[in-house]
Amino acid sequence: MLAYDRKRKIDAENQRAVAALRESKERFRLAAETANDLGYEWDLQESVLWSGKVDEMLGHGVGEFPRTLTGWAESLHPEDHDRVLAAIQAHLAGRAPYTAEYRIRGKDGEYQWWSAGGLRSRRPRDPPAMDRHGHRYYRAQGIGRRKTQT
């Protein structure tokens, strides 16, 4: 009987935690959608998860803007490309915080000014991981802000 009561208590705590997380995610989603800001989470391999209206802000249909680092980097203005990627690499190597201002191409071919900042992280449950060059990689989360309107 004691084990059953303990299990019920743990189940109830888990349900409350899941509900709180769901509410927190919804608040963040609403905030991101009503601002000129985007949240992003990048797995530092290739995949980028955008929170906010990245497609709409850049003139794309839903899901059209790339969800990969390569696709995002290809959208950078040629004059900003190497500088921004170098800033990311310096941050990942622990040499500098990541902040950058850059131009990114919208679907119409016009460039918009954006600013971004982020932090690398590794959740305690994530196993250590290495890229193809033997460097440890992390996840990165941050905020991007559109500075110019189209």
Protein backbone atom coordinates (compact mmCIF):
# COMPACT_ATOMS: atom_id res chain seq x y z
CA MET A 1 0.00 0.00 0.00
CA LEU A 2 2.84 2.40 0.87
CA ALA A 3 4.52 1.81 -2.50
CA TYR A 4 1.20 2.44 -4.30
CA ASP A 5 0.71 5.77 -2.47
CA ARG A 6 4.28 6.81 -3.26
CA LYS A 7 3.77 5.99 -6.94
CA ARG A 8 0.55 8.03 -7.04
CA LYS A 9 2.34 10.98 -5.41
CA ILE A 10 5.19 10.78 -7.93
CA ASP A 11 2.72 10.50 -10.82
CA ALA A 12 0.85 13.59 -9.59
CA GLU A 13 4.13 15.55 -9.25
CA ASN A 14 5.14 14.52 -12.77
CA GLN A 15 1.79 15.64 -14.16
CA ARG A 16 2.16 19.04 -12.46
CA ALA A 17 5.70 19.42 -13.83
CA VAL A 18 4.57 18.53 -17.36
CA ALA A 19 1.68 21.03 -17.14
CA ALA A 20 4.02 23.77 -15.87
CA LEU A 21 6.47 23.08 -18.70
CA ARG A 22 3.66 23.18 -21.27
CA GLU A 23 2.47 26.54 -19.88
CA SER A 24 6.01 27.94 -19.91
CA LYS A 25 6.54 26.87 -23.53
CA GLU A 26 3.23 28.45 -24.52
CA ARG A 27 4.15 31.76 -22.81
CA PHE A 28 7.49 31.80 -24.62
CA ARG A 29 5.83 30.98 -27.96
CA LEU A 30 3.33 33.81 -27.54
CA ALA A 31 6.05 36.28 -26.55
CA ALA A 32 8.20 35.28 -29.52
CA GLU A 33 5.30 35.55 -31.95
CA THR A 34 4.33 39.06 -30.82
CA ALA A 35 7.83 40.52 -30.97
CA ASN A 36 10.47 41.09 -33.62
CA ASP A 37 12.45 38.44 -31.77
CA LEU A 38 13.12 34.79 -32.48
CA GLY A 39 14.39 32.12 -30.21
CA TYR A 40 16.59 29.41 -31.60
CA GLU A 41 18.08 26.17 -30.45
CA TRP A 42 20.86 24.71 -32.53
CA ASP A 43 22.19 21.19 -32.00
CA LEU A 44 25.61 22.37 -33.30
CA GLN A 45 25.62 19.62 -35.85
CA GLU A 46 23.12 20.97 -38.35
CA SER A 47 19.53 21.24 -37.09
CA VAL A 48 18.07 24.60 -35.97
CA LEU A 49 14.74 24.87 -34.13
CA TRP A 50 13.22 28.35 -34.50
CA SER A 51 10.72 29.77 -32.00
CA GLY A 52 8.79 32.67 -33.42
CA LYS A 53 7.77 33.72 -36.90
CA VAL A 54 11.07 33.32 -38.78
CA ASP A 55 9.29 32.30 -41.99
CA GLU A 56 6.88 35.22 -41.92
CA MET A 57 9.55 37.74 -40.92
CA LEU A 58 11.67 36.75 -43.92
CA GLY A 59 8.76 36.54 -46.35
CA HIS A 60 8.59 32.75 -46.58
CA GLY A 61 5.64 30.42 -46.29
CA VAL A 62 5.33 28.33 -43.15
CA GLY A 63 8.29 25.96 -42.87
CA GLU A 64 10.14 27.35 -45.92
CA PHE A 65 13.07 29.09 -44.22
CA PRO A 66 15.91 26.60 -43.66
CA ARG A 67 15.98 24.65 -40.41
CA THR A 68 19.69 23.93 -40.81
CA LEU A 69 22.86 25.85 -40.03
CA THR A 70 23.99 25.45 -43.63
CA GLY A 71 20.75 26.92 -44.97
CA TRP A 72 20.88 29.82 -42.52
CA ALA A 73 24.54 30.52 -43.36
CA GLU A 74 23.74 30.51 -47.08
CA SER A 75 21.16 33.25 -46.40
CA LEU A 76 23.76 35.56 -44.83
CA HIS A 77 24.98 38.52 -46.86
CA PRO A 78 28.31 37.61 -48.50
CA GLU A 79 30.07 40.51 -46.73
CA ASP A 80 28.87 39.25 -43.32
CA HIS A 81 29.18 35.48 -43.84
CA ASP A 82 32.79 34.81 -42.78
CA ARG A 83 32.70 37.31 -39.90
CA VAL A 84 29.52 35.84 -38.40
CA LEU A 85 30.69 32.24 -38.73
CA ALA A 86 34.04 33.22 -37.16
CA ALA A 87 32.14 34.77 -34.22
CA ILE A 88 30.24 31.51 -33.75
CA GLN A 89 33.46 29.48 -33.85
CA ALA A 90 35.17 31.82 -31.36
CA HIS A 91 32.24 31.41 -28.99
CA LEU A 92 32.21 27.63 -29.30
CA ALA A 93 35.94 27.58 -28.59
CA GLY A 94 35.32 29.59 -25.43
CA ARG A 95 37.17 32.68 -26.63
CA ALA A 96 34.27 35.14 -26.78
CA PRO A 97 30.56 35.54 -26.16
CA TYR A 98 28.42 35.16 -29.28
CA THR A 99 26.90 38.41 -30.45
CA ALA A 100 26.63 39.48 -34.05
CA GLU A 101 24.89 41.91 -36.35
CA TYR A 102 24.37 40.74 -39.89
CA ARG A 103 22.21 40.94 -42.96
CA ILE A 104 20.07 37.99 -43.93
CA ARG A 105 18.30 37.46 -47.24
CA GLY A 106 14.52 37.29 -47.32
CA LYS A 107 12.56 35.33 -49.88
CA ASP A 108 12.27 38.46 -52.02
CA GLY A 109 16.08 38.65 -52.28
CA GLU A 110 16.29 41.80 -50.14
CA TYR A 111 18.50 41.80 -47.04
CA GLN A 112 17.33 42.66 -43.53
CA TRP A 113 19.57 43.66 -40.64
CA TRP A 114 19.43 41.33 -37.66
CA SER A 115 21.26 41.10 -34.36
CA ALA A 116 21.75 37.87 -32.47
CA GLY A 117 23.30 36.55 -29.32
CA GLY A 118 23.51 33.11 -27.82
CA LEU A 119 25.17 30.73 -25.44
CA ARG A 120 26.49 27.24 -25.87
CA SER A 121 25.30 24.73 -23.33
CA ARG A 122 25.25 21.08 -22.52
CA ARG A 123 22.49 19.65 -20.40
CA PRO A 124 23.75 17.35 -17.66
CA ARG A 125 21.95 14.39 -19.25
CA ASP A 126 23.59 14.98 -22.64
CA PRO A 127 26.54 12.69 -23.25
CA PRO A 128 29.80 14.36 -24.24
CA ALA A 129 29.93 14.59 -28.00
CA MET A 130 32.70 15.31 -30.47
CA ASP A 131 32.54 16.74 -33.95
CA ARG A 132 34.45 15.30 -36.89
CA HIS A 133 37.53 17.33 -35.90
CA GLY A 134 37.61 15.95 -32.36
CA HIS A 135 36.17 19.08 -30.73
CA ARG A 136 33.52 18.72 -28.04
CA TYR A 137 30.23 20.21 -29.11
CA TYR A 138 27.31 21.59 -27.21
CA ARG A 139 23.89 22.90 -27.94
CA ALA A 140 23.36 26.60 -28.43
CA GLN A 141 20.35 28.70 -27.59
CA GLY A 142 19.82 32.34 -28.26
CA ILE A 143 17.72 35.19 -29.49
CA GLY A 144 17.70 36.86 -32.88
CA ARG A 145 16.12 40.27 -33.42
CA ARG A 146 15.15 41.82 -36.72
CA LYS A 147 16.45 45.39 -36.79
CA THR A 148 14.95 46.47 -40.12
CA GLN A 149 11.52 45.89 -41.58
CA THR A 150 10.99 44.98 -45.21
